[in-house]
Amino acid sequence: MNKQQFLTALEKELKKLPHEEREEIIQDFEEHFYIGMANGKSEEEISQSLGSPKQIAKEIAAVSRIEKIETSATAGNVLRAVWAVIGLGFFNFVTVFGPFLALLAVVFVGWFIGVAFIASPLILLVSAINHPGMFDLFSLFFSIMLCGSGWFIVRGMLYVTKVLTDLLVRYLRYNVSLVKGGLKHD
């Protein structure tokens, strides 16, 4: 594959990225060709050493998605980043998807318990209206205790969610670096 074919294929694979970012990446790869040809390599040797444009685009998309999480850690951005990293290969599907599901379950259960505890006095109120003979003071005090505990759980889940999101970003970066050719030992 010569320089023009490589750059055309790469640009086609990068079509989901913003135009400015795509142009900057294409210029970087044109520079790779320029430097390689100055060192006496042919266009085919350079394109072969760079790898598949499709794989390069997947790696760039994964890094771009991870950077989006750092600026705006919405659930959609996190999911898109996880899928971008999983798209890098089957190994990543196994090593990223399992831990992601486990973290998602922990966060979901924590938030669910916190909100349910906060809502316990309302649930008791509805129960007392529907079954007035079943109401007792113990239930009232227990639901108030659960409500207070729920507030602590929700405050803790705010912190846990932020920490787990940061850890997930670091884990995704680690996986991308492994796919790109291993970790650099300095």
N, C-alpha and C. Protein backbone atom coordinates (compact mmCIF):
# COMPACT_ATOMS: atom_id res chain seq x y z
N MET A 1 0.84 -1.17 0.00
CA MET A 1 0.00 0.00 0.00
C MET A 1 0.89 1.24 0.00
N ASN A 2 0.66 2.12 -0.95
CA ASN A 2 1.48 3.33 -1.01
C ASN A 2 0.93 4.40 -0.06
N LYS A 3 1.60 5.54 -0.03
CA LYS A 3 1.25 6.61 0.91
C LYS A 3 -0.19 7.08 0.69
N GLN A 4 -0.57 7.36 -0.55
CA GLN A 4 -1.90 7.89 -0.82
C GLN A 4 -2.99 6.89 -0.45
N GLN A 5 -2.78 5.63 -0.76
CA GLN A 5 -3.76 4.60 -0.41
C GLN A 5 -3.90 4.49 1.12
N PHE A 6 -2.76 4.52 1.81
CA PHE A 6 -2.76 4.41 3.26
C PHE A 6 -3.52 5.58 3.88
N LEU A 7 -3.20 6.80 3.45
CA LEU A 7 -3.83 7.99 4.03
C LEU A 7 -5.32 8.06 3.70
N THR A 8 -5.70 7.63 2.50
CA THR A 8 -7.11 7.62 2.12
C THR A 8 -7.88 6.61 2.99
N ALA A 9 -7.29 5.42 3.18
CA ALA A 9 -7.94 4.40 4.01
C ALA A 9 -8.04 4.87 5.46
N LEU A 10 -6.99 5.51 5.95
CA LEU A 10 -7.00 6.01 7.32
C LEU A 10 -8.06 7.10 7.50
N GLU A 11 -8.13 8.01 6.55
CA GLU A 11 -9.13 9.09 6.64
C GLU A 11 -10.54 8.52 6.59
N LYS A 12 -10.75 7.50 5.79
CA LYS A 12 -12.07 6.86 5.71
C LYS A 12 -12.43 6.24 7.07
N GLU A 13 -11.47 5.61 7.71
CA GLU A 13 -11.73 4.96 9.00
C GLU A 13 -11.93 5.98 10.13
N LEU A 14 -11.39 7.18 9.96
CA LEU A 14 -11.49 8.22 10.99
C LEU A 14 -12.69 9.15 10.79
N LYS A 15 -13.63 8.78 9.93
CA LYS A 15 -14.72 9.68 9.56
C LYS A 15 -15.58 10.12 10.73
N LYS A 16 -15.59 9.37 11.85
CA LYS A 16 -16.43 9.74 13.00
C LYS A 16 -15.79 10.83 13.86
N LEU A 17 -14.52 11.09 13.65
CA LEU A 17 -13.84 12.12 14.43
C LEU A 17 -14.12 13.51 13.83
N PRO A 18 -14.00 14.56 14.64
CA PRO A 18 -14.17 15.92 14.11
C PRO A 18 -13.14 16.21 13.01
N HIS A 19 -13.51 17.08 12.08
CA HIS A 19 -12.69 17.37 10.90
C HIS A 19 -11.28 17.86 11.29
N GLU A 20 -11.19 18.78 12.26
CA GLU A 20 -9.87 19.32 12.65
C GLU A 20 -8.97 18.23 13.21
N GLU A 21 -9.55 17.38 14.05
CA GLU A 21 -8.77 16.29 14.64
C GLU A 21 -8.32 15.30 13.57
N ARG A 22 -9.20 15.01 12.64
CA ARG A 22 -8.88 14.09 11.55
C ARG A 22 -7.75 14.65 10.70
N GLU A 23 -7.80 15.95 10.37
CA GLU A 23 -6.75 16.58 9.57
C GLU A 23 -5.40 16.54 10.29
N GLU A 24 -5.43 16.77 11.59
CA GLU A 24 -4.20 16.75 12.37
C GLU A 24 -3.57 15.35 12.37
N ILE A 25 -4.40 14.34 12.48
CA ILE A 25 -3.89 12.96 12.47
C ILE A 25 -3.31 12.62 11.10
N ILE A 26 -3.99 13.01 10.04
CA ILE A 26 -3.50 12.75 8.68
C ILE A 26 -2.16 13.45 8.47
N GLN A 27 -2.02 14.69 8.96
CA GLN A 27 -0.75 15.40 8.83
C GLN A 27 0.36 14.68 9.58
N ASP A 28 0.04 14.13 10.78
CA ASP A 28 1.04 13.37 11.53
C ASP A 28 1.53 12.16 10.74
N PHE A 29 0.60 11.47 10.08
CA PHE A 29 1.00 10.29 9.32
C PHE A 29 1.73 10.67 8.03
N GLU A 30 1.36 11.82 7.44
CA GLU A 30 2.14 12.30 6.29
C GLU A 30 3.58 12.58 6.71
N GLU A 31 3.74 13.10 7.92
CA GLU A 31 5.08 13.36 8.44
C GLU A 31 5.86 12.04 8.64
N HIS A 32 5.15 10.98 9.09
CA HIS A 32 5.80 9.67 9.22
C HIS A 32 6.36 9.23 7.86
N PHE A 33 5.54 9.42 6.81
CA PHE A 33 5.99 9.04 5.47
C PHE A 33 7.18 9.91 5.03
N TYR A 34 7.11 11.18 5.30
CA TYR A 34 8.19 12.10 4.91
C TYR A 34 9.50 11.70 5.59
N ILE A 35 9.44 11.45 6.89
CA ILE A 35 10.66 11.07 7.64
C ILE A 35 11.18 9.72 7.17
N GLY A 36 10.27 8.78 6.96
CA GLY A 36 10.68 7.45 6.50
C GLY A 36 11.32 7.48 5.13
N MET A 37 10.76 8.28 4.23
CA MET A 37 11.33 8.37 2.88
C MET A 37 12.67 9.10 2.92
N ALA A 38 12.83 10.05 3.85
CA ALA A 38 14.12 10.72 4.01
C ALA A 38 15.18 9.76 4.50
N ASN A 39 14.75 8.71 5.21
CA ASN A 39 15.68 7.68 5.71
C ASN A 39 15.87 6.55 4.71
N GLY A 40 15.32 6.70 3.52
CA GLY A 40 15.56 5.73 2.45
C GLY A 40 14.56 4.60 2.38
N LYS A 41 13.46 4.66 3.09
CA LYS A 41 12.45 3.60 3.04
C LYS A 41 11.45 3.91 1.93
N SER A 42 10.86 2.86 1.39
CA SER A 42 9.82 3.05 0.37
C SER A 42 8.48 3.29 1.06
N GLU A 43 7.53 3.81 0.28
CA GLU A 43 6.19 4.08 0.83
C GLU A 43 5.55 2.79 1.34
N GLU A 44 5.76 1.68 0.64
CA GLU A 44 5.18 0.41 1.03
C GLU A 44 5.77 -0.08 2.36
N GLU A 45 7.09 0.09 2.53
CA GLU A 45 7.73 -0.31 3.78
C GLU A 45 7.20 0.52 4.96
N ILE A 46 7.03 1.79 4.72
CA ILE A 46 6.54 2.68 5.78
C ILE A 46 5.11 2.32 6.16
N SER A 47 4.25 2.14 5.16
CA SER A 47 2.86 1.81 5.46
C SER A 47 2.76 0.46 6.16
N GLN A 48 3.61 -0.47 5.78
CA GLN A 48 3.61 -1.78 6.44
C GLN A 48 4.07 -1.66 7.89
N SER A 49 5.07 -0.83 8.14
CA SER A 49 5.57 -0.66 9.51
C SER A 49 4.56 0.06 10.40
N LEU A 50 3.73 0.93 9.80
CA LEU A 50 2.73 1.65 10.59
C LEU A 50 1.57 0.75 11.00
N GLY A 51 1.26 -0.24 10.20
CA GLY A 51 0.17 -1.16 10.52
C GLY A 51 -1.08 -0.87 9.72
N SER A 52 -2.14 -1.51 10.10
CA SER A 52 -3.41 -1.40 9.40
C SER A 52 -4.09 -0.07 9.72
N PRO A 53 -4.54 0.66 8.70
CA PRO A 53 -5.27 1.91 8.96
C PRO A 53 -6.52 1.68 9.82
N LYS A 54 -7.16 0.55 9.64
CA LYS A 54 -8.36 0.23 10.42
C LYS A 54 -8.01 0.09 11.90
N GLN A 55 -6.94 -0.63 12.21
CA GLN A 55 -6.52 -0.82 13.60
C GLN A 55 -6.05 0.50 14.21
N ILE A 56 -5.34 1.29 13.43
CA ILE A 56 -4.88 2.62 13.90
C ILE A 56 -6.09 3.48 14.25
N ALA A 57 -7.11 3.46 13.38
CA ALA A 57 -8.31 4.26 13.62
C ALA A 57 -9.04 3.79 14.88
N LYS A 58 -9.09 2.48 15.11
CA LYS A 58 -9.72 1.96 16.32
C LYS A 58 -8.99 2.44 17.57
N GLU A 59 -7.66 2.42 17.53
CA GLU A 59 -6.87 2.87 18.68
C GLU A 59 -7.09 4.36 18.93
N ILE A 60 -7.09 5.15 17.86
CA ILE A 60 -7.29 6.59 18.00
C ILE A 60 -8.69 6.88 18.54
N ALA A 61 -9.69 6.15 18.05
CA ALA A 61 -11.07 6.35 18.52
C ALA A 61 -11.17 6.00 20.01
N ALA A 62 -10.51 4.92 20.42
CA ALA A 62 -10.55 4.52 21.84
C ALA A 62 -9.93 5.61 22.71
N VAL A 63 -8.78 6.12 22.30
CA VAL A 63 -8.11 7.17 23.08
C VAL A 63 -8.98 8.42 23.11
N SER A 64 -9.60 8.75 22.00
CA SER A 64 -10.47 9.93 21.94
C SER A 64 -11.67 9.78 22.88
N ARG A 65 -12.26 8.60 22.91
CA ARG A 65 -13.40 8.35 23.80
C ARG A 65 -12.98 8.44 25.26
N ILE A 66 -11.81 7.93 25.58
CA ILE A 66 -11.32 7.99 26.96
C ILE A 66 -11.08 9.44 27.37
N GLU A 67 -10.54 10.24 26.46
CA GLU A 67 -10.32 11.66 26.77
C GLU A 67 -11.64 12.39 26.98
N LYS A 68 -12.71 11.98 26.27
CA LYS A 68 -14.02 12.59 26.47
C LYS A 68 -14.54 12.33 27.88
N ILE A 69 -14.25 11.14 28.41
CA ILE A 69 -14.69 10.82 29.77
C ILE A 69 -14.06 11.79 30.76
N GLU A 70 -12.79 12.13 30.53
CA GLU A 70 -12.09 13.00 31.46
C GLU A 70 -12.68 14.41 31.48
N THR A 71 -13.26 14.85 30.37
CA THR A 71 -13.88 16.17 30.35
C THR A 71 -15.34 16.12 30.76
N SER A 72 -16.03 15.04 30.42
CA SER A 72 -17.45 14.90 30.74
C SER A 72 -17.76 13.43 30.98
N ALA A 73 -17.79 13.03 32.25
CA ALA A 73 -17.96 11.62 32.60
C ALA A 73 -19.44 11.24 32.67
N THR A 74 -20.12 11.34 31.53
CA THR A 74 -21.52 10.92 31.49
C THR A 74 -21.58 9.42 31.24
N ALA A 75 -22.71 8.82 31.54
CA ALA A 75 -22.88 7.38 31.33
C ALA A 75 -22.68 7.03 29.85
N GLY A 76 -23.18 7.87 28.95
CA GLY A 76 -23.01 7.62 27.52
C GLY A 76 -21.56 7.64 27.10
N ASN A 77 -20.79 8.61 27.59
CA ASN A 77 -19.37 8.68 27.25
C ASN A 77 -18.61 7.47 27.79
N VAL A 78 -18.95 7.03 29.01
CA VAL A 78 -18.28 5.87 29.58
C VAL A 78 -18.58 4.63 28.75
N LEU A 79 -19.86 4.43 28.38
CA LEU A 79 -20.22 3.27 27.57
C LEU A 79 -19.52 3.30 26.21
N ARG A 80 -19.48 4.47 25.57
CA ARG A 80 -18.83 4.57 24.26
C ARG A 80 -17.33 4.27 24.38
N ALA A 81 -16.71 4.72 25.46
CA ALA A 81 -15.28 4.45 25.65
C ALA A 81 -15.04 2.96 25.87
N VAL A 82 -15.88 2.33 26.67
CA VAL A 82 -15.73 0.89 26.92
C VAL A 82 -15.88 0.12 25.62
N TRP A 83 -16.89 0.46 24.82
CA TRP A 83 -17.09 -0.25 23.55
C TRP A 83 -15.95 0.02 22.57
N ALA A 84 -15.39 1.22 22.60
CA ALA A 84 -14.26 1.53 21.71
C ALA A 84 -13.05 0.68 22.09
N VAL A 85 -12.81 0.53 23.40
CA VAL A 85 -11.67 -0.29 23.83
C VAL A 85 -11.93 -1.75 23.55
N ILE A 86 -13.16 -2.21 23.76
CA ILE A 86 -13.51 -3.60 23.46
C ILE A 86 -13.32 -3.87 21.98
N GLY A 87 -13.61 -2.88 21.14
CA GLY A 87 -13.47 -3.04 19.70
C GLY A 87 -12.04 -3.25 19.23
N LEU A 88 -11.08 -3.04 20.12
CA LEU A 88 -9.68 -3.23 19.73
C LEU A 88 -9.30 -4.71 19.59
N GLY A 89 -10.10 -5.59 20.15
CA GLY A 89 -9.79 -7.01 19.99
C GLY A 89 -10.55 -7.88 20.96
N PHE A 90 -10.55 -9.18 20.69
CA PHE A 90 -11.27 -10.14 21.53
C PHE A 90 -10.70 -10.18 22.94
N PHE A 91 -9.40 -10.09 23.06
CA PHE A 91 -8.77 -10.09 24.39
C PHE A 91 -9.34 -8.96 25.24
N ASN A 92 -9.52 -7.81 24.64
CA ASN A 92 -10.08 -6.68 25.37
C ASN A 92 -11.54 -6.92 25.74
N PHE A 93 -12.26 -7.66 24.93
CA PHE A 93 -13.63 -7.98 25.29
C PHE A 93 -13.66 -8.74 26.60
N VAL A 94 -12.76 -9.69 26.74
CA VAL A 94 -12.71 -10.50 27.95
C VAL A 94 -12.18 -9.69 29.13
N THR A 95 -11.14 -8.89 28.92
CA THR A 95 -10.51 -8.18 30.03
C THR A 95 -11.19 -6.87 30.40
N VAL A 96 -11.99 -6.30 29.53
CA VAL A 96 -12.64 -5.03 29.83
C VAL A 96 -14.11 -5.23 30.20
N PHE A 97 -14.81 -6.07 29.48
CA PHE A 97 -16.24 -6.20 29.67
C PHE A 97 -16.61 -6.79 31.03
N GLY A 98 -15.89 -7.81 31.47
CA GLY A 98 -16.16 -8.43 32.78
C GLY A 98 -16.02 -7.44 33.92
N PRO A 99 -14.85 -6.80 34.07
CA PRO A 99 -14.71 -5.81 35.15
C PRO A 99 -15.70 -4.65 35.02
N PHE A 100 -16.00 -4.24 33.79
CA PHE A 100 -16.96 -3.15 33.60
C PHE A 100 -18.34 -3.54 34.12
N LEU A 101 -18.78 -4.76 33.80
CA LEU A 101 -20.08 -5.21 34.29
C LEU A 101 -20.10 -5.32 35.81
N ALA A 102 -19.00 -5.80 36.40
CA ALA A 102 -18.92 -5.90 37.85
C ALA A 102 -19.01 -4.52 38.50
N LEU A 103 -18.25 -3.56 37.98
CA LEU A 103 -18.31 -2.20 38.52
C LEU A 103 -19.69 -1.58 38.33
N LEU A 104 -20.28 -1.81 37.19
CA LEU A 104 -21.61 -1.29 36.92
C LEU A 104 -22.62 -1.86 37.91
N ALA A 105 -22.51 -3.16 38.20
CA ALA A 105 -23.43 -3.79 39.16
C ALA A 105 -23.24 -3.21 40.56
N VAL A 106 -21.99 -3.01 40.98
CA VAL A 106 -21.72 -2.45 42.31
C VAL A 106 -22.31 -1.04 42.41
N VAL A 107 -22.09 -0.23 41.40
CA VAL A 107 -22.60 1.14 41.43
C VAL A 107 -24.12 1.14 41.41
N PHE A 108 -24.71 0.32 40.56
CA PHE A 108 -26.18 0.27 40.47
C PHE A 108 -26.79 -0.17 41.79
N VAL A 109 -26.27 -1.23 42.39
CA VAL A 109 -26.80 -1.74 43.65
C VAL A 109 -26.64 -0.70 44.76
N GLY A 110 -25.49 -0.05 44.82
CA GLY A 110 -25.28 0.98 45.85
C GLY A 110 -26.27 2.12 45.73
N TRP A 111 -26.46 2.62 44.51
CA TRP A 111 -27.42 3.70 44.31
C TRP A 111 -28.84 3.24 44.61
N PHE A 112 -29.19 2.03 44.20
CA PHE A 112 -30.53 1.50 44.43
C PHE A 112 -30.81 1.39 45.93
N ILE A 113 -29.86 0.86 46.68
CA ILE A 113 -30.05 0.71 48.13
C ILE A 113 -30.17 2.08 48.78
N GLY A 114 -29.32 3.02 48.42
CA GLY A 114 -29.38 4.36 48.99
C GLY A 114 -30.72 5.02 48.75
N VAL A 115 -31.20 4.98 47.52
CA VAL A 115 -32.48 5.61 47.18
C VAL A 115 -33.63 4.88 47.88
N ALA A 116 -33.57 3.55 47.92
CA ALA A 116 -34.63 2.79 48.59
C ALA A 116 -34.68 3.12 50.08
N PHE A 117 -33.52 3.24 50.72
CA PHE A 117 -33.50 3.60 52.14
C PHE A 117 -34.08 4.99 52.36
N ILE A 118 -33.73 5.93 51.49
CA ILE A 118 -34.26 7.29 51.62
C ILE A 118 -35.79 7.29 51.46
N ALA A 119 -36.28 6.45 50.58
CA ALA A 119 -37.72 6.39 50.32
C ALA A 119 -38.49 5.57 51.36
N SER A 120 -37.81 4.94 52.30
CA SER A 120 -38.50 4.05 53.24
C SER A 120 -39.58 4.74 54.07
N PRO A 121 -39.43 5.99 54.53
CA PRO A 121 -40.56 6.62 55.23
C PRO A 121 -41.79 6.80 54.32
N LEU A 122 -41.56 7.09 53.05
CA LEU A 122 -42.69 7.22 52.12
C LEU A 122 -43.37 5.88 51.91
N ILE A 123 -42.58 4.83 51.83
CA ILE A 123 -43.14 3.49 51.67
C ILE A 123 -43.96 3.13 52.91
N LEU A 124 -43.45 3.48 54.12
CA LEU A 124 -44.18 3.23 55.35
C LEU A 124 -45.48 4.02 55.38
N LEU A 125 -45.45 5.25 54.92
CA LEU A 125 -46.64 6.08 54.87
C LEU A 125 -47.71 5.47 53.97
N VAL A 126 -47.32 5.01 52.80
CA VAL A 126 -48.26 4.37 51.88
C VAL A 126 -48.82 3.10 52.52
N SER A 127 -47.94 2.34 53.17
CA SER A 127 -48.38 1.12 53.84
C SER A 127 -49.36 1.43 54.98
N ALA A 128 -49.10 2.50 55.75
CA ALA A 128 -49.98 2.87 56.86
C ALA A 128 -51.35 3.32 56.35
N ILE A 129 -51.37 3.97 55.19
CA ILE A 129 -52.65 4.40 54.61
C ILE A 129 -53.45 3.20 54.12
N ASN A 130 -52.78 2.25 53.49
CA ASN A 130 -53.45 1.06 52.96
C ASN A 130 -53.83 0.06 54.05
N HIS A 131 -53.00 -0.07 55.09
CA HIS A 131 -53.23 -1.03 56.17
C HIS A 131 -53.04 -0.33 57.52
N PRO A 132 -54.00 0.47 57.97
CA PRO A 132 -53.81 1.28 59.18
C PRO A 132 -53.56 0.44 60.44
N GLY A 133 -54.04 -0.75 60.50
CA GLY A 133 -53.85 -1.58 61.69
C GLY A 133 -52.43 -2.12 61.82
N MET A 134 -51.64 -2.08 60.78
CA MET A 134 -50.28 -2.64 60.78
C MET A 134 -49.23 -1.62 61.23
N PHE A 135 -49.60 -0.37 61.40
CA PHE A 135 -48.64 0.68 61.75
C PHE A 135 -48.24 0.57 63.21
N ASP A 136 -46.92 0.69 63.47
CA ASP A 136 -46.42 0.77 64.84
C ASP A 136 -45.24 1.73 64.89
N LEU A 137 -44.91 2.20 66.07
CA LEU A 137 -43.85 3.20 66.21
C LEU A 137 -42.47 2.64 65.84
N PHE A 138 -42.25 1.36 66.10
CA PHE A 138 -40.97 0.76 65.72
C PHE A 138 -40.72 0.92 64.23
N SER A 139 -41.74 0.64 63.43
CA SER A 139 -41.61 0.77 61.97
C SER A 139 -41.30 2.21 61.58
N LEU A 140 -41.92 3.16 62.27
CA LEU A 140 -41.67 4.57 61.98
C LEU A 140 -40.21 4.93 62.28
N PHE A 141 -39.75 4.57 63.48
CA PHE A 141 -38.37 4.90 63.84
C PHE A 141 -37.35 4.14 62.98
N PHE A 142 -37.68 2.89 62.65
CA PHE A 142 -36.77 2.11 61.79
C PHE A 142 -36.68 2.74 60.40
N SER A 143 -37.82 3.20 59.87
CA SER A 143 -37.78 3.82 58.53
C SER A 143 -37.04 5.15 58.56
N ILE A 144 -37.14 5.88 59.67
CA ILE A 144 -36.38 7.14 59.79
C ILE A 144 -34.89 6.83 59.86
N MET A 145 -34.52 5.76 60.58
CA MET A 145 -33.12 5.34 60.65
C MET A 145 -32.61 4.93 59.26
N LEU A 146 -33.44 4.18 58.54
CA LEU A 146 -33.05 3.79 57.18
C LEU A 146 -32.89 5.01 56.27
N CYS A 147 -33.76 5.99 56.42
CA CYS A 147 -33.67 7.20 55.61
C CYS A 147 -32.34 7.92 55.87
N GLY A 148 -31.97 8.05 57.13
CA GLY A 148 -30.68 8.68 57.46
C GLY A 148 -29.51 7.88 56.90
N SER A 149 -29.61 6.55 57.03
CA SER A 149 -28.55 5.70 56.46
C SER A 149 -28.49 5.85 54.95
N GLY A 150 -29.67 5.99 54.33
CA GLY A 150 -29.73 6.16 52.88
C GLY A 150 -29.00 7.41 52.42
N TRP A 151 -29.13 8.49 53.20
CA TRP A 151 -28.42 9.72 52.85
C TRP A 151 -26.91 9.52 52.89
N PHE A 152 -26.45 8.78 53.90
CA PHE A 152 -25.02 8.49 53.98
C PHE A 152 -24.57 7.60 52.82
N ILE A 153 -25.40 6.63 52.47
CA ILE A 153 -25.06 5.73 51.35
C ILE A 153 -24.99 6.52 50.05
N VAL A 154 -25.96 7.41 49.82
CA VAL A 154 -25.96 8.21 48.58
C VAL A 154 -24.73 9.11 48.52
N ARG A 155 -24.40 9.74 49.65
CA ARG A 155 -23.18 10.59 49.67
C ARG A 155 -21.94 9.74 49.39
N GLY A 156 -21.89 8.56 49.97
CA GLY A 156 -20.77 7.65 49.71
C GLY A 156 -20.75 7.19 48.26
N MET A 157 -21.92 6.96 47.68
CA MET A 157 -21.99 6.51 46.29
C MET A 157 -21.55 7.60 45.32
N LEU A 158 -21.77 8.86 45.68
CA LEU A 158 -21.24 9.94 44.84
C LEU A 158 -19.73 9.82 44.75
N TYR A 159 -19.09 9.61 45.89
CA TYR A 159 -17.64 9.47 45.93
C TYR A 159 -17.20 8.19 45.21
N VAL A 160 -17.86 7.07 45.51
CA VAL A 160 -17.51 5.78 44.91
C VAL A 160 -17.66 5.84 43.39
N THR A 161 -18.74 6.44 42.91
CA THR A 161 -18.96 6.54 41.46
C THR A 161 -17.85 7.34 40.80
N LYS A 162 -17.44 8.44 41.42
CA LYS A 162 -16.35 9.25 40.85
C LYS A 162 -15.04 8.47 40.85
N VAL A 163 -14.72 7.81 41.95
CA VAL A 163 -13.47 7.04 42.04
C VAL A 163 -13.48 5.89 41.03
N LEU A 164 -14.59 5.16 40.94
CA LEU A 164 -14.66 4.04 40.00
C LEU A 164 -14.59 4.51 38.55
N THR A 165 -15.16 5.66 38.26
CA THR A 165 -15.06 6.22 36.90
C THR A 165 -13.60 6.55 36.59
N ASP A 166 -12.91 7.17 37.54
CA ASP A 166 -11.49 7.49 37.33
C ASP A 166 -10.66 6.22 37.16
N LEU A 167 -10.94 5.19 37.98
CA LEU A 167 -10.21 3.92 37.84
C LEU A 167 -10.52 3.25 36.50
N LEU A 168 -11.76 3.33 36.07
CA LEU A 168 -12.12 2.75 34.78
C LEU A 168 -11.38 3.44 33.65
N VAL A 169 -11.27 4.75 33.71
CA VAL A 169 -10.53 5.50 32.68
C VAL A 169 -9.07 5.04 32.67
N ARG A 170 -8.46 4.91 33.84
CA ARG A 170 -7.07 4.46 33.91
C ARG A 170 -6.92 3.04 33.36
N TYR A 171 -7.89 2.18 33.67
CA TYR A 171 -7.87 0.81 33.19
C TYR A 171 -8.02 0.76 31.67
N LEU A 172 -8.91 1.59 31.13
CA LEU A 172 -9.08 1.63 29.68
C LEU A 172 -7.81 2.15 29.00
N ARG A 173 -7.18 3.17 29.57
CA ARG A 173 -5.90 3.67 29.03
C ARG A 173 -4.84 2.57 29.04
N TYR A 174 -4.79 1.82 30.12
CA TYR A 174 -3.83 0.72 30.23
C TYR A 174 -4.08 -0.31 29.13
N ASN A 175 -5.33 -0.67 28.89
CA ASN A 175 -5.64 -1.64 27.83
C ASN A 175 -5.27 -1.11 26.46
N VAL A 176 -5.53 0.18 26.21
CA VAL A 176 -5.17 0.76 24.92
C VAL A 176 -3.65 0.72 24.75
N SER A 177 -2.91 1.02 25.81
CA SER A 177 -1.44 0.99 25.70
C SER A 177 -0.94 -0.43 25.44
N LEU A 178 -1.60 -1.44 26.01
CA LEU A 178 -1.21 -2.82 25.73
C LEU A 178 -1.44 -3.18 24.26
N VAL A 179 -2.56 -2.76 23.73
CA VAL A 179 -2.90 -3.08 22.34
C VAL A 179 -1.94 -2.35 21.39
N LYS A 180 -1.53 -1.14 21.77
CA LYS A 180 -0.64 -0.36 20.90
C LYS A 180 0.78 -0.92 20.84
N GLY A 181 1.08 -1.90 21.65
CA GLY A 181 2.41 -2.47 21.53
C GLY A 181 3.09 -2.68 22.86
N GLY A 182 2.34 -2.76 23.90
CA GLY A 182 2.93 -3.04 25.19
C GLY A 182 3.27 -1.78 25.95
N LEU A 183 3.58 -1.98 27.20
CA LEU A 183 3.94 -0.85 28.06
C LEU A 183 5.38 -0.49 27.84
N LYS A 184 5.68 0.78 27.97
CA LYS A 184 7.05 1.26 27.82
C LYS A 184 7.74 1.19 29.17
N HIS A 185 8.89 0.57 29.20
CA HIS A 185 9.65 0.47 30.44
C HIS A 185 10.78 1.50 30.39
N ASP A 186 10.68 2.51 31.25
CA ASP A 186 11.71 3.56 31.27
C ASP A 186 12.72 3.30 32.35
